Amino acid sequence: MRERYGRVTVLSGYRTVTYNIAVGGVRNSFHVYTERKAYPAVDFRCERGSPELWGRAARQMLGSSGGVGVYPGQGFTHADTRPVRSDWRG
């Protein structure tokens, strides 16, 4: 990502349940790890490009599994390592 789009800023990684609620995160957010669900997640933006481009690059890196959410209105992309493929636009 950095080579293609410049500096990468991580907006959110691991969240506590309390913080996830405070920022309006979804109930079963992949940002909140539990004993049964520990698939690291990150919300990020890059110096150059767009959420759509970053999402395509994340999808290429994750292959046929993982989650990629593109949020053009908010200017960031979400990526996680869930065992199944899930793509969305927020």
PDB file of N, CA and C in Angstrom:
ATOM      1  N   MET A   1       0.829  -1.185   0.000  1.00  0.00           N
ATOM      2  CA  MET A   1       0.000   0.000   0.000  1.00  0.00           C
ATOM      3  C   MET A   1       0.872   1.247   0.000  1.00  0.00           C
ATOM      4  N   ARG A   2       1.855   1.255   0.877  1.00  0.00           N
ATOM      5  CA  ARG A   2       2.690   2.451   1.000  1.00  0.00           C
ATOM      6  C   ARG A   2       3.445   2.739  -0.284  1.00  0.00           C
ATOM      7  N   GLU A   3       3.951   1.691  -0.925  1.00  0.00           N
ATOM      8  CA  GLU A   3       4.678   1.910  -2.179  1.00  0.00           C
ATOM      9  C   GLU A   3       3.781   2.506  -3.250  1.00  0.00           C
ATOM     10  N   ARG A   4       2.551   2.058  -3.309  1.00  0.00           N
ATOM     11  CA  ARG A   4       1.626   2.497  -4.353  1.00  0.00           C
ATOM     12  C   ARG A   4       0.926   3.818  -4.019  1.00  0.00           C
ATOM     13  N   TYR A   5       0.523   3.990  -2.737  1.00  0.00           N
ATOM     14  CA  TYR A   5      -0.336   5.114  -2.370  1.00  0.00           C
ATOM     15  C   TYR A   5       0.255   6.073  -1.334  1.00  0.00           C
ATOM     16  N   GLY A   6       1.516   5.897  -0.988  1.00  0.00           N
ATOM     17  CA  GLY A   6       2.149   6.801  -0.028  1.00  0.00           C
ATOM     18  C   GLY A   6       1.835   6.430   1.412  1.00  0.00           C
ATOM     19  N   ARG A   7       2.053   7.386   2.292  1.00  0.00           N
ATOM     20  CA  ARG A   7       1.880   7.145   3.731  1.00  0.00           C
ATOM     21  C   ARG A   7       0.490   6.595   4.030  1.00  0.00           C
ATOM     22  N   VAL A   8       0.439   5.571   4.875  1.00  0.00           N
ATOM     23  CA  VAL A   8      -0.820   4.948   5.290  1.00  0.00           C
ATOM     24  C   VAL A   8      -1.109   5.381   6.729  1.00  0.00           C
ATOM     25  N   THR A   9      -2.296   5.893   6.949  1.00  0.00           N
ATOM     26  CA  THR A   9      -2.712   6.290   8.293  1.00  0.00           C
ATOM     27  C   THR A   9      -3.745   5.300   8.798  1.00  0.00           C
ATOM     28  N   VAL A  10      -3.462   4.671   9.925  1.00  0.00           N
ATOM     29  CA  VAL A  10      -4.406   3.742  10.549  1.00  0.00           C
ATOM     30  C   VAL A  10      -5.357   4.561  11.412  1.00  0.00           C
ATOM     31  N   LEU A  11      -6.627   4.500  11.082  1.00  0.00           N
ATOM     32  CA  LEU A  11      -7.648   5.239  11.822  1.00  0.00           C
ATOM     33  C   LEU A  11      -8.180   4.435  12.994  1.00  0.00           C
ATOM     34  N   SER A  12      -8.242   3.123  12.828  1.00  0.00           N
ATOM     35  CA  SER A  12      -8.757   2.258  13.884  1.00  0.00           C
ATOM     36  C   SER A  12      -8.240   0.844  13.673  1.00  0.00           C
ATOM     37  N   GLY A  13      -7.848   0.216  14.746  1.00  0.00           N
ATOM     38  CA  GLY A  13      -7.438  -1.186  14.735  1.00  0.00           C
ATOM     39  C   GLY A  13      -8.270  -1.899  15.775  1.00  0.00           C
ATOM     40  N   TYR A  14      -7.607  -2.429  16.811  1.00  0.00           N
ATOM     41  CA  TYR A  14      -8.330  -3.070  17.904  1.00  0.00           C
ATOM     42  C   TYR A  14      -9.151  -2.035  18.655  1.00  0.00           C
ATOM     43  N   ARG A  15     -10.371  -2.410  19.040  1.00  0.00           N
ATOM     44  CA  ARG A  15     -11.231  -1.556  19.857  1.00  0.00           C
ATOM     45  C   ARG A  15     -11.751  -2.344  21.052  1.00  0.00           C
ATOM     46  N   THR A  16     -11.853  -1.682  22.178  1.00  0.00           N
ATOM     47  CA  THR A  16     -12.567  -2.283  23.305  1.00  0.00           C
ATOM     48  C   THR A  16     -14.060  -2.207  22.979  1.00  0.00           C
ATOM     49  N   VAL A  17     -14.853  -2.980  23.669  1.00  0.00           N
ATOM     50  CA  VAL A  17     -16.300  -2.945  23.466  1.00  0.00           C
ATOM     51  C   VAL A  17     -16.823  -1.533  23.739  1.00  0.00           C
ATOM     52  N   THR A  18     -16.352  -0.928  24.810  1.00  0.00           N
ATOM     53  CA  THR A  18     -16.804   0.420  25.182  1.00  0.00           C
ATOM     54  C   THR A  18     -16.478   1.432  24.093  1.00  0.00           C
ATOM     55  N   TYR A  19     -15.260   1.387  23.569  1.00  0.00           N
ATOM     56  CA  TYR A  19     -14.872   2.335  22.529  1.00  0.00           C
ATOM     57  C   TYR A  19     -15.647   2.069  21.244  1.00  0.00           C
ATOM     58  N   ASN A  20     -15.854   0.805  20.918  1.00  0.00           N
ATOM     59  CA  ASN A  20     -16.608   0.469  19.715  1.00  0.00           C
ATOM     60  C   ASN A  20     -18.014   1.066  19.772  1.00  0.00           C
ATOM     61  N   ILE A  21     -18.650   0.985  20.925  1.00  0.00           N
ATOM     62  CA  ILE A  21     -19.973   1.581  21.101  1.00  0.00           C
ATOM     63  C   ILE A  21     -19.888   3.102  20.946  1.00  0.00           C
ATOM     64  N   ALA A  22     -18.865   3.703  21.557  1.00  0.00           N
ATOM     65  CA  ALA A  22     -18.715   5.161  21.538  1.00  0.00           C
ATOM     66  C   ALA A  22     -18.535   5.711  20.125  1.00  0.00           C
ATOM     67  N   VAL A  23     -17.865   4.952  19.254  1.00  0.00           N
ATOM     68  CA  VAL A  23     -17.635   5.438  17.886  1.00  0.00           C
ATOM     69  C   VAL A  23     -18.705   4.968  16.909  1.00  0.00           C
ATOM     70  N   GLY A  24     -19.742   4.308  17.422  1.00  0.00           N
ATOM     71  CA  GLY A  24     -20.841   3.870  16.562  1.00  0.00           C
ATOM     72  C   GLY A  24     -20.533   2.613  15.774  1.00  0.00           C
ATOM     73  N   GLY A  25     -19.581   1.805  16.250  1.00  0.00           N
ATOM     74  CA  GLY A  25     -19.246   0.555  15.572  1.00  0.00           C
ATOM     75  C   GLY A  25     -20.382  -0.450  15.663  1.00  0.00           C
ATOM     76  N   VAL A  26     -20.440  -1.355  14.707  1.00  0.00           N
ATOM     77  CA  VAL A  26     -21.494  -2.372  14.713  1.00  0.00           C
ATOM     78  C   VAL A  26     -21.287  -3.357  15.854  1.00  0.00           C
ATOM     79  N   ARG A  27     -22.354  -3.992  16.263  1.00  0.00           N
ATOM     80  CA  ARG A  27     -22.335  -4.868  17.439  1.00  0.00           C
ATOM     81  C   ARG A  27     -21.266  -5.969  17.349  1.00  0.00           C
ATOM     82  N   ASN A  28     -21.177  -6.648  16.225  1.00  0.00           N
ATOM     83  CA  ASN A  28     -20.210  -7.743  16.079  1.00  0.00           C
ATOM     84  C   ASN A  28     -18.985  -7.308  15.274  1.00  0.00           C
ATOM     85  N   SER A  29     -18.501  -6.114  15.532  1.00  0.00           N
ATOM     86  CA  SER A  29     -17.374  -5.548  14.794  1.00  0.00           C
ATOM     87  C   SER A  29     -16.151  -6.454  14.838  1.00  0.00           C
ATOM     88  N   PHE A  30     -15.478  -6.561  13.703  1.00  0.00           N
ATOM     89  CA  PHE A  30     -14.233  -7.308  13.658  1.00  0.00           C
ATOM     90  C   PHE A  30     -13.093  -6.539  14.332  1.00  0.00           C
ATOM     91  N   HIS A  31     -13.330  -5.301  14.711  1.00  0.00           N
ATOM     92  CA  HIS A  31     -12.340  -4.539  15.471  1.00  0.00           C
ATOM     93  C   HIS A  31     -12.277  -5.004  16.919  1.00  0.00           C
ATOM     94  N   VAL A  32     -13.342  -5.654  17.410  1.00  0.00           N
ATOM     95  CA  VAL A  32     -13.410  -6.140  18.785  1.00  0.00           C
ATOM     96  C   VAL A  32     -13.094  -7.625  18.762  1.00  0.00           C
ATOM     97  N   TYR A  33     -12.009  -8.010  19.420  1.00  0.00           N
ATOM     98  CA  TYR A  33     -11.604  -9.414  19.437  1.00  0.00           C
ATOM     99  C   TYR A  33     -12.225 -10.117  20.635  1.00  0.00           C
ATOM    100  N   THR A  34     -12.630 -11.361  20.422  1.00  0.00           N
ATOM    101  CA  THR A  34     -13.133 -12.202  21.506  1.00  0.00           C
ATOM    102  C   THR A  34     -12.442 -13.552  21.387  1.00  0.00           C
ATOM    103  N   GLU A  35     -12.706 -14.436  22.330  1.00  0.00           N
ATOM    104  CA  GLU A  35     -12.119 -15.775  22.263  1.00  0.00           C
ATOM    105  C   GLU A  35     -12.561 -16.503  20.995  1.00  0.00           C
ATOM    106  N   ARG A  36     -13.788 -16.265  20.542  1.00  0.00           N
ATOM    107  CA  ARG A  36     -14.316 -16.961  19.375  1.00  0.00           C
ATOM    108  C   ARG A  36     -14.070 -16.215  18.075  1.00  0.00           C
ATOM    109  N   LYS A  37     -13.687 -14.957  18.149  1.00  0.00           N
ATOM    110  CA  LYS A  37     -13.517 -14.158  16.925  1.00  0.00           C
ATOM    111  C   LYS A  37     -12.310 -13.242  17.081  1.00  0.00           C
ATOM    112  N   ALA A  38     -11.223 -13.615  16.450  1.00  0.00           N
ATOM    113  CA  ALA A  38     -10.013 -12.787  16.517  1.00  0.00           C
ATOM    114  C   ALA A  38      -9.420 -12.662  15.117  1.00  0.00           C
ATOM    115  N   TYR A  39     -10.091 -11.898  14.280  1.00  0.00           N
ATOM    116  CA  TYR A  39      -9.622 -11.652  12.925  1.00  0.00           C
ATOM    117  C   TYR A  39      -9.267 -10.171  12.827  1.00  0.00           C
ATOM    118  N   PRO A  40      -7.997  -9.838  12.911  1.00  0.00           N
ATOM    119  CA  PRO A  40      -7.603  -8.428  12.937  1.00  0.00           C
ATOM    120  C   PRO A  40      -8.257  -7.594  11.837  1.00  0.00           C
ATOM    121  N   ALA A  41      -8.625  -6.367  12.216  1.00  0.00           N
ATOM    122  CA  ALA A  41      -9.281  -5.436  11.305  1.00  0.00           C
ATOM    123  C   ALA A  41      -8.589  -4.081  11.397  1.00  0.00           C
ATOM    124  N   VAL A  42      -8.650  -3.337  10.304  1.00  0.00           N
ATOM    125  CA  VAL A  42      -8.064  -2.000  10.268  1.00  0.00           C
ATOM    126  C   VAL A  42      -8.904  -1.092   9.376  1.00  0.00           C
ATOM    127  N   ASP A  43      -9.092   0.133   9.832  1.00  0.00           N
ATOM    128  CA  ASP A  43      -9.661   1.197   9.001  1.00  0.00           C
ATOM    129  C   ASP A  43      -8.488   2.115   8.682  1.00  0.00           C
ATOM    130  N   PHE A  44      -8.320   2.461   7.416  1.00  0.00           N
ATOM    131  CA  PHE A  44      -7.140   3.231   7.044  1.00  0.00           C
ATOM    132  C   PHE A  44      -7.421   4.166   5.877  1.00  0.00           C
ATOM    133  N   ARG A  45      -6.523   5.112   5.697  1.00  0.00           N
ATOM    134  CA  ARG A  45      -6.525   5.958   4.496  1.00  0.00           C
ATOM    135  C   ARG A  45      -5.077   6.143   4.088  1.00  0.00           C
ATOM    136  N   CYS A  46      -4.891   6.493   2.841  1.00  0.00           N
ATOM    137  CA  CYS A  46      -3.545   6.674   2.299  1.00  0.00           C
ATOM    138  C   CYS A  46      -3.363   8.106   1.809  1.00  0.00           C
ATOM    139  N   GLU A  47      -2.107   8.465   1.643  1.00  0.00           N
ATOM    140  CA  GLU A  47      -1.749   9.802   1.200  1.00  0.00           C
ATOM    141  C   GLU A  47      -2.272  10.110  -0.201  1.00  0.00           C
ATOM    142  N   ARG A  48      -2.232   9.117  -1.081  1.00  0.00           N
ATOM    143  CA  ARG A  48      -2.700   9.298  -2.461  1.00  0.00           C
ATOM    144  C   ARG A  48      -3.751   8.246  -2.791  1.00  0.00           C
ATOM    145  N   GLY A  49      -4.534   8.540  -3.819  1.00  0.00           N
ATOM    146  CA  GLY A  49      -5.542   7.578  -4.269  1.00  0.00           C
ATOM    147  C   GLY A  49      -6.899   7.864  -3.652  1.00  0.00           C
ATOM    148  N   SER A  50      -7.732   6.822  -3.613  1.00  0.00           N
ATOM    149  CA  SER A  50      -9.103   6.957  -3.117  1.00  0.00           C
ATOM    150  C   SER A  50      -9.487   5.681  -2.374  1.00  0.00           C
ATOM    151  N   PRO A  51     -10.541   5.750  -1.561  1.00  0.00           N
ATOM    152  CA  PRO A  51     -10.996   4.538  -0.876  1.00  0.00           C
ATOM    153  C   PRO A  51     -11.265   3.376  -1.836  1.00  0.00           C
ATOM    154  N   GLU A  52     -11.780   3.679  -3.026  1.00  0.00           N
ATOM    155  CA  GLU A  52     -12.032   2.617  -4.006  1.00  0.00           C
ATOM    156  C   GLU A  52     -10.728   1.929  -4.426  1.00  0.00           C
ATOM    157  N   LEU A  53      -9.706   2.726  -4.714  1.00  0.00           N
ATOM    158  CA  LEU A  53      -8.415   2.154  -5.116  1.00  0.00           C
ATOM    159  C   LEU A  53      -7.789   1.358  -3.976  1.00  0.00           C
ATOM    160  N   TRP A  54      -7.854   1.903  -2.762  1.00  0.00           N
ATOM    161  CA  TRP A  54      -7.286   1.191  -1.610  1.00  0.00           C
ATOM    162  C   TRP A  54      -8.039  -0.113  -1.364  1.00  0.00           C
ATOM    163  N   GLY A  55      -9.354  -0.080  -1.581  1.00  0.00           N
ATOM    164  CA  GLY A  55     -10.151  -1.289  -1.411  1.00  0.00           C
ATOM    165  C   GLY A  55      -9.784  -2.362  -2.424  1.00  0.00           C
ATOM    166  N   ARG A  56      -9.577  -1.956  -3.666  1.00  0.00           N
ATOM    167  CA  ARG A  56      -9.164  -2.931  -4.687  1.00  0.00           C
ATOM    168  C   ARG A  56      -7.819  -3.547  -4.341  1.00  0.00           C
ATOM    169  N   ALA A  57      -6.898  -2.714  -3.861  1.00  0.00           N
ATOM    170  CA  ALA A  57      -5.574  -3.221  -3.480  1.00  0.00           C
ATOM    171  C   ALA A  57      -5.685  -4.164  -2.282  1.00  0.00           C
ATOM    172  N   ALA A  58      -6.514  -3.813  -1.305  1.00  0.00           N
ATOM    173  CA  ALA A  58      -6.712  -4.681  -0.146  1.00  0.00           C
ATOM    174  C   ALA A  58      -7.313  -6.011  -0.573  1.00  0.00           C
ATOM    175  N   ARG A  59      -8.283  -5.982  -1.487  1.00  0.00           N
ATOM    176  CA  ARG A  59      -8.897  -7.220  -1.967  1.00  0.00           C
ATOM    177  C   ARG A  59      -7.861  -8.100  -2.645  1.00  0.00           C
ATOM    178  N   GLN A  60      -6.980  -7.509  -3.449  1.00  0.00           N
ATOM    179  CA  GLN A  60      -5.917  -8.286  -4.103  1.00  0.00           C
ATOM    180  C   GLN A  60      -5.035  -8.955  -3.062  1.00  0.00           C
ATOM    181  N   MET A  61      -4.689  -8.237  -2.002  1.00  0.00           N
ATOM    182  CA  MET A  61      -3.820  -8.795  -0.956  1.00  0.00           C
ATOM    183  C   MET A  61      -4.510  -9.895  -0.170  1.00  0.00           C
ATOM    184  N   LEU A  62      -5.813  -9.731   0.091  1.00  0.00           N
ATOM    185  CA  LEU A  62      -6.537 -10.707   0.902  1.00  0.00           C
ATOM    186  C   LEU A  62      -6.974 -11.936   0.108  1.00  0.00           C
ATOM    187  N   GLY A  63      -7.079 -11.810  -1.191  1.00  0.00           N
ATOM    188  CA  GLY A  63      -7.485 -12.950  -2.012  1.00  0.00           C
ATOM    189  C   GLY A  63      -8.949 -13.288  -1.843  1.00  0.00           C
ATOM    190  N   SER A  64      -9.258 -14.582  -1.668  1.00  0.00           N
ATOM    191  CA  SER A  64     -10.648 -15.034  -1.659  1.00  0.00           C
ATOM    192  C   SER A  64     -11.288 -15.018  -0.269  1.00  0.00           C
ATOM    193  N   SER A  65     -10.591 -14.511   0.731  1.00  0.00           N
ATOM    194  CA  SER A  65     -11.189 -14.388   2.061  1.00  0.00           C
ATOM    195  C   SER A  65     -10.993 -12.956   2.546  1.00  0.00           C
ATOM    196  N   GLY A  66     -11.466 -12.666   3.739  1.00  0.00           N
ATOM    197  CA  GLY A  66     -11.299 -11.339   4.314  1.00  0.00           C
ATOM    198  C   GLY A  66     -12.412 -10.383   3.929  1.00  0.00           C
ATOM    199  N   GLY A  67     -12.538  -9.333   4.723  1.00  0.00           N
ATOM    200  CA  GLY A  67     -13.549  -8.320   4.482  1.00  0.00           C
ATOM    201  C   GLY A  67     -12.925  -7.025   4.001  1.00  0.00           C
ATOM    202  N   VAL A  68     -13.553  -6.398   3.014  1.00  0.00           N
ATOM    203  CA  VAL A  68     -13.115  -5.103   2.503  1.00  0.00           C
ATOM    204  C   VAL A  68     -14.336  -4.198   2.387  1.00  0.00           C
ATOM    205  N   GLY A  69     -14.310  -3.116   3.142  1.00  0.00           N
ATOM    206  CA  GLY A  69     -15.376  -2.127   3.090  1.00  0.00           C
ATOM    207  C   GLY A  69     -14.825  -0.807   2.596  1.00  0.00           C
ATOM    208  N   VAL A  70     -15.493  -0.216   1.638  1.00  0.00           N
ATOM    209  CA  VAL A  70     -15.068   1.050   1.050  1.00  0.00           C
ATOM    210  C   VAL A  70     -16.031   2.139   1.509  1.00  0.00           C
ATOM    211  N   TYR A  71     -15.486   3.199   2.082  1.00  0.00           N
ATOM    212  CA  TYR A  71     -16.281   4.297   2.620  1.00  0.00           C
ATOM    213  C   TYR A  71     -15.850   5.613   1.973  1.00  0.00           C
ATOM    214  N   PRO A  72     -16.262   5.854   0.737  1.00  0.00           N
ATOM    215  CA  PRO A  72     -15.816   7.056   0.036  1.00  0.00           C
ATOM    216  C   PRO A  72     -16.274   8.351   0.694  1.00  0.00           C
ATOM    217  N   GLY A  73     -17.456   8.368   1.273  1.00  0.00           N
ATOM    218  CA  GLY A  73     -17.955   9.577   1.928  1.00  0.00           C
ATOM    219  C   GLY A  73     -17.144   9.972   3.149  1.00  0.00           C
ATOM    220  N   GLN A  74     -16.573   8.974   3.813  1.00  0.00           N
ATOM    221  CA  GLN A  74     -15.762   9.231   4.998  1.00  0.00           C
ATOM    222  C   GLN A  74     -14.269   9.203   4.692  1.00  0.00           C
ATOM    223  N   GLY A  75     -13.910   8.807   3.477  1.00  0.00           N
ATOM    224  CA  GLY A  75     -12.513   8.852   3.057  1.00  0.00           C
ATOM    225  C   GLY A  75     -11.606   7.772   3.633  1.00  0.00           C
ATOM    226  N   PHE A  76     -12.167   6.569   3.870  1.00  0.00           N
ATOM    227  CA  PHE A  76     -11.313   5.489   4.357  1.00  0.00           C
ATOM    228  C   PHE A  76     -11.772   4.150   3.818  1.00  0.00           C
ATOM    229  N   THR A  77     -10.957   3.142   4.053  1.00  0.00           N
ATOM    230  CA  THR A  77     -11.241   1.761   3.673  1.00  0.00           C
ATOM    231  C   THR A  77     -11.046   0.874   4.895  1.00  0.00           C
ATOM    232  N   HIS A  78     -11.847  -0.165   4.998  1.00  0.00           N
ATOM    233  CA  HIS A  78     -11.748  -1.164   6.068  1.00  0.00           C
ATOM    234  C   HIS A  78     -11.226  -2.454   5.450  1.00  0.00           C
ATOM    235  N   ALA A  79     -10.355  -3.152   6.174  1.00  0.00           N
ATOM    236  CA  ALA A  79      -9.912  -4.487   5.752  1.00  0.00           C
ATOM    237  C   ALA A  79      -9.804  -5.365   6.993  1.00  0.00           C
ATOM    238  N   ASP A  80     -10.215  -6.628   6.865  1.00  0.00           N
ATOM    239  CA  ASP A  80     -10.067  -7.570   7.973  1.00  0.00           C
ATOM    240  C   ASP A  80      -9.756  -8.956   7.439  1.00  0.00           C
ATOM    241  N   THR A  81      -9.398  -9.855   8.339  1.00  0.00           N
ATOM    242  CA  THR A  81      -8.930 -11.183   7.939  1.00  0.00           C
ATOM    243  C   THR A  81      -9.937 -12.290   8.243  1.00  0.00           C
ATOM    244  N   ARG A  82     -11.228 -11.981   8.194  1.00  0.00           N
ATOM    245  CA  ARG A  82     -12.232 -13.019   8.428  1.00  0.00           C
ATOM    246  C   ARG A  82     -12.017 -14.172   7.443  1.00  0.00           C
ATOM    247  N   PRO A  83     -12.465 -15.376   7.785  1.00  0.00           N
ATOM    248  CA  PRO A  83     -12.193 -16.539   6.940  1.00  0.00           C
ATOM    249  C   PRO A  83     -12.993 -16.620   5.656  1.00  0.00           C
ATOM    250  N   VAL A  84     -14.018 -15.794   5.510  1.00  0.00           N
ATOM    251  CA  VAL A  84     -14.827 -15.788   4.288  1.00  0.00           C
ATOM    252  C   VAL A  84     -14.739 -14.422   3.632  1.00  0.00           C
ATOM    253  N   ARG A  85     -15.031 -14.359   2.361  1.00  0.00           N
ATOM    254  CA  ARG A  85     -15.000 -13.094   1.628  1.00  0.00           C
ATOM    255  C   ARG A  85     -16.264 -12.284   1.900  1.00  0.00           C
ATOM    256  N   SER A  86     -16.069 -11.010   2.169  1.00  0.00           N
ATOM    257  CA  SER A  86     -17.183 -10.087   2.365  1.00  0.00           C
ATOM    258  C   SER A  86     -16.743  -8.712   1.899  1.00  0.00           C
ATOM    259  N   ASP A  87     -17.436  -8.165   0.912  1.00  0.00           N
ATOM    260  CA  ASP A  87     -17.121  -6.844   0.385  1.00  0.00           C
ATOM    261  C   ASP A  87     -18.371  -5.973   0.498  1.00  0.00           C
ATOM    262  N   TRP A  88     -18.195  -4.704   0.854  1.00  0.00           N
ATOM    263  CA  TRP A  88     -19.324  -3.800   0.987  1.00  0.00           C
ATOM    264  C   TRP A  88     -18.886  -2.359   0.769  1.00  0.00           C
ATOM    265  N   ARG A  89     -19.869  -1.532   0.621  1.00  0.00           N
ATOM    266  CA  ARG A  89     -19.672  -0.104   0.451  1.00  0.00           C
ATOM    267  C   ARG A  89     -20.484   0.591   1.527  1.00  0.00           C
ATOM    268  N   GLY A  90     -19.823   1.478   2.271  1.00  0.00           N
ATOM    269  CA  GLY A  90     -20.491   2.128   3.402  1.00  0.00           C
ATOM    270  C   GLY A  90     -20.836   3.564   3.117  1.00  0.00           C
TER     271      GLY A  90
END
